[in-house]
Amino acid sequence: MAKTSRICHLLLRFLAFSATLSAVIVMVSSHERATFFNVSFEAKYTTSPALKYFVIANSVVTVYGFLVLFLPAESLLWRLVVAMDMVLTMLLISSLSAALAIAQVAKQGNNSAAWLPICGSVPKFCNHITGALIASFIGVIIYMILLLHSIHSVLDPLLLKKT
């Protein structure tokens, strides 16, 4: 039973790693040039601090996810992994929220601030952002499941200990 649980745990960790890596790759590869009234502009993730934060946060979580895949099952570092899972899940959620806000402005614009929507001019760029956001959201869900599993596996032996 413990071996099955370990395999499921590693599979979830690999899926979370894959999701965050996919989000980084898709976001970094998102760029498109458009011309609007003889003015040419290039839409890319580096023009927005929120999208840069999104890429950096997902990159950090990807590296962490890769390193944890190789952590031995008997290591005492698993107790630290619980805290790190929580911190990095919060990091992913905050970066996803910031990127979602920018994506919404890119798609809908903001009439009160006189910001025009750009997704009509650069649809490929907006589609890449949407794909990266979906991949990151999947990563957040998986990391939340992993966090609950980690909390259960670390706290359960402590709570069931007879004194």
N, C-alpha and C. Protein backbone atom coordinates (compact mmCIF):
# COMPACT_ATOMS: atom_id res chain seq x y z
N MET A 1 0.82 -1.20 0.00
CA MET A 1 0.00 0.00 0.00
C MET A 1 0.86 1.26 0.00
N ALA A 2 1.95 1.23 0.77
CA ALA A 2 2.82 2.40 0.84
C ALA A 2 3.50 2.65 -0.50
N LYS A 3 3.83 1.56 -1.21
CA LYS A 3 4.47 1.69 -2.52
C LYS A 3 3.51 2.32 -3.53
N THR A 4 2.25 1.93 -3.49
CA THR A 4 1.24 2.50 -4.37
C THR A 4 1.06 3.99 -4.08
N SER A 5 1.03 4.34 -2.81
CA SER A 5 0.90 5.74 -2.41
C SER A 5 2.09 6.55 -2.90
N ARG A 6 3.27 5.99 -2.79
CA ARG A 6 4.50 6.67 -3.23
C ARG A 6 4.49 6.88 -4.75
N ILE A 7 4.03 5.88 -5.49
CA ILE A 7 3.96 6.00 -6.95
C ILE A 7 2.95 7.07 -7.35
N CYS A 8 1.80 7.09 -6.69
CA CYS A 8 0.79 8.13 -6.98
C CYS A 8 1.33 9.51 -6.64
N HIS A 9 2.04 9.61 -5.53
CA HIS A 9 2.63 10.88 -5.12
C HIS A 9 3.65 11.35 -6.15
N LEU A 10 4.51 10.46 -6.61
CA LEU A 10 5.50 10.83 -7.62
C LEU A 10 4.85 11.18 -8.95
N LEU A 11 3.79 10.48 -9.29
CA LEU A 11 3.07 10.79 -10.52
C LEU A 11 2.46 12.19 -10.45
N LEU A 12 1.85 12.52 -9.31
CA LEU A 12 1.29 13.86 -9.13
C LEU A 12 2.38 14.93 -9.19
N ARG A 13 3.52 14.65 -8.57
CA ARG A 13 4.64 15.60 -8.61
C ARG A 13 5.14 15.79 -10.04
N PHE A 14 5.20 14.70 -10.79
CA PHE A 14 5.64 14.81 -12.18
C PHE A 14 4.63 15.61 -13.01
N LEU A 15 3.33 15.40 -12.77
CA LEU A 15 2.30 16.15 -13.49
C LEU A 15 2.37 17.64 -13.14
N ALA A 16 2.62 17.95 -11.86
CA ALA A 16 2.75 19.35 -11.46
C ALA A 16 3.97 19.98 -12.11
N PHE A 17 5.09 19.25 -12.13
CA PHE A 17 6.30 19.72 -12.80
C PHE A 17 6.02 19.97 -14.28
N SER A 18 5.33 19.05 -14.93
CA SER A 18 5.02 19.19 -16.35
C SER A 18 4.11 20.39 -16.63
N ALA A 19 3.14 20.59 -15.75
CA ALA A 19 2.20 21.71 -15.94
C ALA A 19 2.91 23.05 -15.82
N THR A 20 3.75 23.20 -14.80
CA THR A 20 4.44 24.48 -14.62
C THR A 20 5.49 24.69 -15.71
N LEU A 21 6.16 23.62 -16.13
CA LEU A 21 7.12 23.73 -17.23
C LEU A 21 6.41 24.13 -18.51
N SER A 22 5.26 23.54 -18.77
CA SER A 22 4.47 23.90 -19.96
C SER A 22 4.05 25.36 -19.92
N ALA A 23 3.64 25.83 -18.76
CA ALA A 23 3.24 27.23 -18.63
C ALA A 23 4.40 28.16 -18.97
N VAL A 24 5.59 27.82 -18.49
CA VAL A 24 6.77 28.65 -18.78
C VAL A 24 7.08 28.63 -20.27
N ILE A 25 7.11 27.46 -20.86
CA ILE A 25 7.47 27.34 -22.28
C ILE A 25 6.46 28.08 -23.16
N VAL A 26 5.19 27.91 -22.89
CA VAL A 26 4.16 28.56 -23.71
C VAL A 26 4.22 30.07 -23.54
N MET A 27 4.41 30.55 -22.31
CA MET A 27 4.44 31.99 -22.10
C MET A 27 5.68 32.61 -22.72
N VAL A 28 6.83 31.97 -22.59
CA VAL A 28 8.07 32.51 -23.14
C VAL A 28 8.01 32.55 -24.67
N SER A 29 7.32 31.61 -25.26
CA SER A 29 7.23 31.57 -26.73
C SER A 29 6.10 32.44 -27.28
N SER A 30 5.43 33.20 -26.42
CA SER A 30 4.31 34.03 -26.89
C SER A 30 4.81 35.41 -27.31
N HIS A 31 4.73 35.67 -28.58
CA HIS A 31 5.02 37.01 -29.11
C HIS A 31 4.38 37.12 -30.48
N GLU A 32 3.95 38.33 -30.79
CA GLU A 32 3.32 38.57 -32.09
C GLU A 32 3.46 40.05 -32.42
N ARG A 33 3.69 40.33 -33.67
CA ARG A 33 3.81 41.71 -34.14
C ARG A 33 2.53 42.08 -34.88
N ALA A 34 2.05 43.31 -34.64
CA ALA A 34 0.85 43.79 -35.31
C ALA A 34 1.05 45.25 -35.71
N THR A 35 0.29 45.66 -36.71
CA THR A 35 0.32 47.05 -37.15
C THR A 35 -1.08 47.62 -36.98
N PHE A 36 -1.13 48.80 -36.38
CA PHE A 36 -2.39 49.45 -36.11
C PHE A 36 -2.24 50.92 -36.51
N PHE A 37 -2.94 51.35 -37.57
CA PHE A 37 -2.84 52.71 -38.11
C PHE A 37 -1.38 53.10 -38.39
N ASN A 38 -0.68 52.27 -39.13
CA ASN A 38 0.72 52.48 -39.50
C ASN A 38 1.67 52.51 -38.32
N VAL A 39 1.22 52.09 -37.16
CA VAL A 39 2.09 51.97 -35.98
C VAL A 39 2.26 50.49 -35.70
N SER A 40 3.49 50.04 -35.71
CA SER A 40 3.78 48.63 -35.47
C SER A 40 4.15 48.43 -34.00
N PHE A 41 3.60 47.39 -33.41
CA PHE A 41 3.97 47.05 -32.04
C PHE A 41 4.10 45.54 -31.91
N GLU A 42 4.92 45.15 -30.95
CA GLU A 42 5.13 43.73 -30.70
C GLU A 42 4.58 43.40 -29.31
N ALA A 43 3.72 42.40 -29.27
CA ALA A 43 3.18 41.93 -28.00
C ALA A 43 4.01 40.75 -27.55
N LYS A 44 4.60 40.85 -26.38
CA LYS A 44 5.37 39.74 -25.80
C LYS A 44 5.28 39.84 -24.29
N TYR A 45 5.59 38.74 -23.64
CA TYR A 45 5.40 38.69 -22.19
C TYR A 45 6.32 39.65 -21.44
N THR A 46 7.46 40.01 -22.02
CA THR A 46 8.42 40.87 -21.31
C THR A 46 7.96 42.31 -21.19
N THR A 47 6.89 42.68 -21.88
CA THR A 47 6.39 44.05 -21.78
C THR A 47 5.52 44.27 -20.54
N SER A 48 5.18 43.22 -19.86
CA SER A 48 4.32 43.33 -18.67
C SER A 48 5.03 42.76 -17.45
N PRO A 49 5.18 43.56 -16.39
CA PRO A 49 5.79 43.02 -15.17
C PRO A 49 5.02 41.84 -14.58
N ALA A 50 3.70 41.84 -14.71
CA ALA A 50 2.89 40.74 -14.18
C ALA A 50 3.18 39.45 -14.92
N LEU A 51 3.35 39.54 -16.23
CA LEU A 51 3.65 38.33 -17.00
C LEU A 51 5.08 37.86 -16.76
N LYS A 52 6.00 38.79 -16.52
CA LYS A 52 7.37 38.40 -16.15
C LYS A 52 7.36 37.69 -14.80
N TYR A 53 6.59 38.23 -13.86
CA TYR A 53 6.45 37.59 -12.55
C TYR A 53 5.88 36.19 -12.69
N PHE A 54 4.90 36.04 -13.58
CA PHE A 54 4.29 34.74 -13.84
C PHE A 54 5.34 33.74 -14.33
N VAL A 55 6.18 34.16 -15.27
CA VAL A 55 7.21 33.28 -15.81
C VAL A 55 8.24 32.94 -14.74
N ILE A 56 8.67 33.93 -13.96
CA ILE A 56 9.67 33.68 -12.92
C ILE A 56 9.11 32.74 -11.85
N ALA A 57 7.89 32.99 -11.40
CA ALA A 57 7.29 32.15 -10.36
C ALA A 57 7.12 30.71 -10.85
N ASN A 58 6.63 30.54 -12.07
CA ASN A 58 6.47 29.19 -12.61
C ASN A 58 7.81 28.52 -12.82
N SER A 59 8.84 29.29 -13.17
CA SER A 59 10.19 28.71 -13.33
C SER A 59 10.73 28.22 -11.99
N VAL A 60 10.54 29.01 -10.94
CA VAL A 60 11.00 28.61 -9.60
C VAL A 60 10.29 27.34 -9.17
N VAL A 61 8.99 27.28 -9.37
CA VAL A 61 8.22 26.10 -8.97
C VAL A 61 8.61 24.89 -9.83
N THR A 62 8.94 25.11 -11.09
CA THR A 62 9.37 24.02 -11.96
C THR A 62 10.69 23.42 -11.46
N VAL A 63 11.63 24.28 -11.12
CA VAL A 63 12.93 23.79 -10.61
C VAL A 63 12.72 23.04 -9.30
N TYR A 64 11.91 23.61 -8.41
CA TYR A 64 11.61 22.94 -7.14
C TYR A 64 10.96 21.57 -7.39
N GLY A 65 9.97 21.54 -8.29
CA GLY A 65 9.30 20.27 -8.59
C GLY A 65 10.24 19.22 -9.15
N PHE A 66 11.19 19.66 -9.96
CA PHE A 66 12.18 18.73 -10.51
C PHE A 66 13.08 18.17 -9.41
N LEU A 67 13.53 19.03 -8.49
CA LEU A 67 14.41 18.58 -7.42
C LEU A 67 13.71 17.63 -6.46
N VAL A 68 12.45 17.90 -6.15
CA VAL A 68 11.71 17.06 -5.21
C VAL A 68 11.45 15.67 -5.79
N LEU A 69 11.40 15.57 -7.12
CA LEU A 69 11.19 14.26 -7.75
C LEU A 69 12.29 13.27 -7.36
N PHE A 70 13.49 13.78 -7.08
CA PHE A 70 14.62 12.90 -6.78
C PHE A 70 14.92 12.79 -5.29
N LEU A 71 14.04 13.30 -4.44
CA LEU A 71 14.23 13.21 -3.00
C LEU A 71 13.89 11.79 -2.53
N PRO A 72 14.81 11.14 -1.80
CA PRO A 72 14.53 9.78 -1.33
C PRO A 72 13.32 9.73 -0.39
N ALA A 73 12.61 8.63 -0.43
CA ALA A 73 11.39 8.49 0.37
C ALA A 73 11.67 8.53 1.87
N GLU A 74 12.85 8.07 2.29
CA GLU A 74 13.14 8.03 3.73
C GLU A 74 13.79 9.30 4.26
N SER A 75 13.98 10.28 3.41
CA SER A 75 14.65 11.51 3.80
C SER A 75 13.80 12.32 4.80
N LEU A 76 14.49 12.96 5.74
CA LEU A 76 13.79 13.83 6.70
C LEU A 76 13.42 15.17 6.07
N LEU A 77 13.91 15.42 4.87
CA LEU A 77 13.57 16.67 4.18
C LEU A 77 12.11 16.74 3.75
N TRP A 78 11.40 15.61 3.81
CA TRP A 78 9.99 15.62 3.44
C TRP A 78 9.17 16.52 4.35
N ARG A 79 9.62 16.71 5.58
CA ARG A 79 8.91 17.63 6.48
C ARG A 79 9.09 19.07 6.01
N LEU A 80 10.24 19.37 5.43
CA LEU A 80 10.46 20.69 4.84
C LEU A 80 9.65 20.85 3.55
N VAL A 81 9.44 19.76 2.85
CA VAL A 81 8.68 19.79 1.60
C VAL A 81 7.25 20.26 1.86
N VAL A 82 6.69 19.93 3.01
CA VAL A 82 5.33 20.37 3.34
C VAL A 82 5.29 21.90 3.36
N ALA A 83 6.24 22.51 4.04
CA ALA A 83 6.27 23.97 4.12
C ALA A 83 6.56 24.58 2.75
N MET A 84 7.49 23.98 2.02
CA MET A 84 7.82 24.51 0.70
C MET A 84 6.65 24.36 -0.28
N ASP A 85 5.91 23.26 -0.18
CA ASP A 85 4.73 23.09 -1.02
C ASP A 85 3.73 24.22 -0.78
N MET A 86 3.56 24.58 0.49
CA MET A 86 2.61 25.63 0.83
C MET A 86 3.09 26.98 0.29
N VAL A 87 4.36 27.29 0.50
CA VAL A 87 4.90 28.57 0.03
C VAL A 87 4.83 28.66 -1.49
N LEU A 88 5.21 27.60 -2.17
CA LEU A 88 5.23 27.64 -3.63
C LEU A 88 3.83 27.57 -4.23
N THR A 89 2.89 26.95 -3.55
CA THR A 89 1.50 27.00 -4.00
C THR A 89 0.97 28.42 -3.92
N MET A 90 1.30 29.11 -2.83
CA MET A 90 0.88 30.51 -2.70
C MET A 90 1.56 31.38 -3.76
N LEU A 91 2.82 31.11 -4.06
CA LEU A 91 3.54 31.84 -5.11
C LEU A 91 2.87 31.63 -6.46
N LEU A 92 2.52 30.39 -6.76
CA LEU A 92 1.82 30.09 -8.02
C LEU A 92 0.48 30.81 -8.10
N ILE A 93 -0.27 30.79 -7.01
CA ILE A 93 -1.58 31.43 -7.00
C ILE A 93 -1.45 32.94 -7.21
N SER A 94 -0.47 33.55 -6.57
CA SER A 94 -0.32 35.01 -6.72
C SER A 94 0.12 35.36 -8.14
N SER A 95 1.03 34.58 -8.72
CA SER A 95 1.46 34.89 -10.09
C SER A 95 0.34 34.63 -11.09
N LEU A 96 -0.44 33.60 -10.85
CA LEU A 96 -1.57 33.31 -11.72
C LEU A 96 -2.61 34.43 -11.65
N SER A 97 -2.85 34.95 -10.45
CA SER A 97 -3.80 36.05 -10.29
C SER A 97 -3.35 37.30 -11.02
N ALA A 98 -2.07 37.63 -10.90
CA ALA A 98 -1.54 38.81 -11.58
C ALA A 98 -1.63 38.64 -13.10
N ALA A 99 -1.26 37.48 -13.60
CA ALA A 99 -1.31 37.24 -15.04
C ALA A 99 -2.76 37.22 -15.55
N LEU A 100 -3.68 36.69 -14.76
CA LEU A 100 -5.09 36.68 -15.15
C LEU A 100 -5.63 38.10 -15.26
N ALA A 101 -5.22 38.97 -14.36
CA ALA A 101 -5.67 40.37 -14.41
C ALA A 101 -5.19 41.04 -15.70
N ILE A 102 -3.93 40.83 -16.05
CA ILE A 102 -3.39 41.42 -17.27
C ILE A 102 -4.07 40.81 -18.50
N ALA A 103 -4.30 39.51 -18.48
CA ALA A 103 -4.95 38.85 -19.61
C ALA A 103 -6.37 39.37 -19.80
N GLN A 104 -7.05 39.64 -18.70
CA GLN A 104 -8.41 40.16 -18.79
C GLN A 104 -8.40 41.56 -19.40
N VAL A 105 -7.45 42.38 -19.02
CA VAL A 105 -7.34 43.72 -19.60
C VAL A 105 -6.98 43.63 -21.08
N ALA A 106 -6.11 42.68 -21.43
CA ALA A 106 -5.75 42.51 -22.85
C ALA A 106 -6.95 42.08 -23.67
N LYS A 107 -7.81 41.28 -23.09
CA LYS A 107 -8.97 40.77 -23.82
C LYS A 107 -10.13 41.77 -23.85
N GLN A 108 -10.43 42.38 -22.69
CA GLN A 108 -11.60 43.24 -22.58
C GLN A 108 -11.28 44.74 -22.63
N GLY A 109 -10.04 45.09 -22.31
CA GLY A 109 -9.70 46.50 -22.19
C GLY A 109 -10.25 47.06 -20.88
N ASN A 110 -10.14 48.35 -20.71
CA ASN A 110 -10.70 49.02 -19.54
C ASN A 110 -11.15 50.40 -19.98
N ASN A 111 -12.46 50.56 -20.14
CA ASN A 111 -13.00 51.82 -20.64
C ASN A 111 -12.72 52.99 -19.72
N SER A 112 -12.77 52.79 -18.40
CA SER A 112 -12.53 53.91 -17.48
C SER A 112 -11.11 54.43 -17.55
N ALA A 113 -10.16 53.54 -17.86
CA ALA A 113 -8.76 53.96 -17.95
C ALA A 113 -8.34 54.21 -19.40
N ALA A 114 -9.27 54.07 -20.33
CA ALA A 114 -9.02 54.26 -21.76
C ALA A 114 -7.98 53.26 -22.29
N TRP A 115 -7.99 52.04 -21.77
CA TRP A 115 -7.11 50.98 -22.26
C TRP A 115 -7.90 50.15 -23.26
N LEU A 116 -7.38 50.07 -24.45
CA LEU A 116 -8.06 49.32 -25.50
C LEU A 116 -7.70 47.84 -25.42
N PRO A 117 -8.62 46.96 -25.78
CA PRO A 117 -8.28 45.54 -25.84
C PRO A 117 -7.34 45.30 -27.02
N ILE A 118 -6.36 44.41 -26.82
CA ILE A 118 -5.39 44.14 -27.89
C ILE A 118 -5.56 42.75 -28.50
N CYS A 119 -6.39 41.93 -27.92
CA CYS A 119 -6.50 40.55 -28.41
C CYS A 119 -7.07 40.46 -29.82
N GLY A 120 -7.80 41.48 -30.26
CA GLY A 120 -8.28 41.48 -31.64
C GLY A 120 -7.14 41.68 -32.62
N SER A 121 -6.10 42.38 -32.19
CA SER A 121 -4.95 42.65 -33.07
C SER A 121 -3.88 41.57 -33.00
N VAL A 122 -3.75 40.93 -31.86
CA VAL A 122 -2.71 39.90 -31.67
C VAL A 122 -3.33 38.63 -31.06
N PRO A 123 -4.17 37.93 -31.82
CA PRO A 123 -4.87 36.76 -31.27
C PRO A 123 -3.94 35.61 -30.90
N LYS A 124 -2.86 35.43 -31.67
CA LYS A 124 -1.92 34.33 -31.37
C LYS A 124 -1.28 34.56 -29.99
N PHE A 125 -0.90 35.78 -29.70
CA PHE A 125 -0.32 36.13 -28.41
C PHE A 125 -1.31 35.84 -27.28
N CYS A 126 -2.54 36.25 -27.48
CA CYS A 126 -3.57 36.03 -26.44
C CYS A 126 -3.87 34.55 -26.25
N ASN A 127 -3.84 33.79 -27.33
CA ASN A 127 -4.06 32.34 -27.21
C ASN A 127 -2.93 31.67 -26.44
N HIS A 128 -1.70 32.13 -26.67
CA HIS A 128 -0.56 31.59 -25.91
C HIS A 128 -0.71 31.91 -24.43
N ILE A 129 -1.10 33.13 -24.12
CA ILE A 129 -1.29 33.50 -22.71
C ILE A 129 -2.37 32.63 -22.08
N THR A 130 -3.46 32.42 -22.80
CA THR A 130 -4.55 31.58 -22.28
C THR A 130 -4.06 30.16 -22.01
N GLY A 131 -3.28 29.61 -22.93
CA GLY A 131 -2.73 28.26 -22.73
C GLY A 131 -1.81 28.20 -21.53
N ALA A 132 -0.96 29.21 -21.35
CA ALA A 132 -0.05 29.24 -20.21
C ALA A 132 -0.83 29.36 -18.90
N LEU A 133 -1.89 30.16 -18.91
CA LEU A 133 -2.71 30.31 -17.69
C LEU A 133 -3.42 29.01 -17.34
N ILE A 134 -3.90 28.31 -18.34
CA ILE A 134 -4.57 27.02 -18.09
C ILE A 134 -3.58 26.01 -17.52
N ALA A 135 -2.38 25.95 -18.11
CA ALA A 135 -1.36 25.01 -17.61
C ALA A 135 -0.98 25.35 -16.18
N SER A 136 -0.83 26.63 -15.88
CA SER A 136 -0.48 27.03 -14.52
C SER A 136 -1.62 26.72 -13.54
N PHE A 137 -2.85 26.91 -13.98
CA PHE A 137 -4.00 26.60 -13.12
C PHE A 137 -4.03 25.11 -12.79
N ILE A 138 -3.73 24.28 -13.77
CA ILE A 138 -3.65 22.84 -13.53
C ILE A 138 -2.54 22.55 -12.51
N GLY A 139 -1.41 23.25 -12.65
CA GLY A 139 -0.32 23.12 -11.68
C GLY A 139 -0.74 23.51 -10.28
N VAL A 140 -1.51 24.59 -10.16
CA VAL A 140 -1.99 25.02 -8.85
C VAL A 140 -2.89 23.95 -8.22
N ILE A 141 -3.80 23.41 -9.01
CA ILE A 141 -4.70 22.36 -8.50
C ILE A 141 -3.90 21.16 -8.01
N ILE A 142 -2.92 20.73 -8.81
CA ILE A 142 -2.12 19.56 -8.43
C ILE A 142 -1.29 19.87 -7.19
N TYR A 143 -0.72 21.06 -7.11
CA TYR A 143 0.05 21.41 -5.92
C TYR A 143 -0.83 21.49 -4.67
N MET A 144 -2.08 21.90 -4.82
CA MET A 144 -3.00 21.90 -3.67
C MET A 144 -3.28 20.47 -3.21
N ILE A 145 -3.48 19.56 -4.16
CA ILE A 145 -3.68 18.16 -3.81
C ILE A 145 -2.44 17.60 -3.12
N LEU A 146 -1.26 17.93 -3.69
CA LEU A 146 0.00 17.47 -3.07
C LEU A 146 0.17 18.05 -1.68
N LEU A 147 -0.21 19.29 -1.50
CA LEU A 147 -0.11 19.92 -0.18
C LEU A 147 -0.99 19.20 0.83
N LEU A 148 -2.21 18.90 0.45
CA LEU A 148 -3.11 18.16 1.35
C LEU A 148 -2.56 16.77 1.65
N HIS A 149 -2.02 16.12 0.65
CA HIS A 149 -1.43 14.79 0.86
C HIS A 149 -0.21 14.87 1.77
N SER A 150 0.63 15.87 1.55
CA SER A 150 1.83 16.03 2.38
C SER A 150 1.47 16.32 3.84
N ILE A 151 0.49 17.19 4.03
CA ILE A 151 0.06 17.50 5.40
C ILE A 151 -0.48 16.24 6.07
N HIS A 152 -1.27 15.48 5.33
CA HIS A 152 -1.83 14.25 5.89
C HIS A 152 -0.72 13.24 6.24
N SER A 153 0.24 13.08 5.34
CA SER A 153 1.28 12.08 5.58
C SER A 153 2.24 12.48 6.69
N VAL A 154 2.45 13.77 6.91
CA VAL A 154 3.36 14.21 7.97
C VAL A 154 2.63 14.28 9.31
N LEU A 155 1.40 14.77 9.31
CA LEU A 155 0.69 14.96 10.58
C LEU A 155 0.01 13.70 11.09
N ASP A 156 -0.39 12.82 10.20
CA ASP A 156 -1.12 11.62 10.62
C ASP A 156 -0.31 10.78 11.62
N PRO A 157 0.96 10.48 11.38
CA PRO A 157 1.71 9.69 12.38
C PRO A 157 1.84 10.44 13.71
N LEU A 158 1.90 11.77 13.67
CA LEU A 158 2.01 12.54 14.90
C LEU A 158 0.73 12.51 15.71
N LEU A 159 -0.41 12.56 15.01
CA LEU A 159 -1.69 12.58 15.69
C LEU A 159 -2.13 11.21 16.21
N LEU A 160 -1.67 10.16 15.57
CA LEU A 160 -2.06 8.81 15.97
C LEU A 160 -1.12 8.20 17.01
N LYS A 161 -0.07 8.93 17.35
CA LYS A 161 0.91 8.44 18.32
C LYS A 161 0.25 8.34 19.69
N LYS A 162 0.39 7.19 20.33
CA LYS A 162 -0.18 6.99 21.68
C LYS A 162 0.83 7.42 22.71
N THR A 163 0.36 8.17 23.66
CA THR A 163 1.26 8.64 24.73
C THR A 163 1.02 7.92 26.02
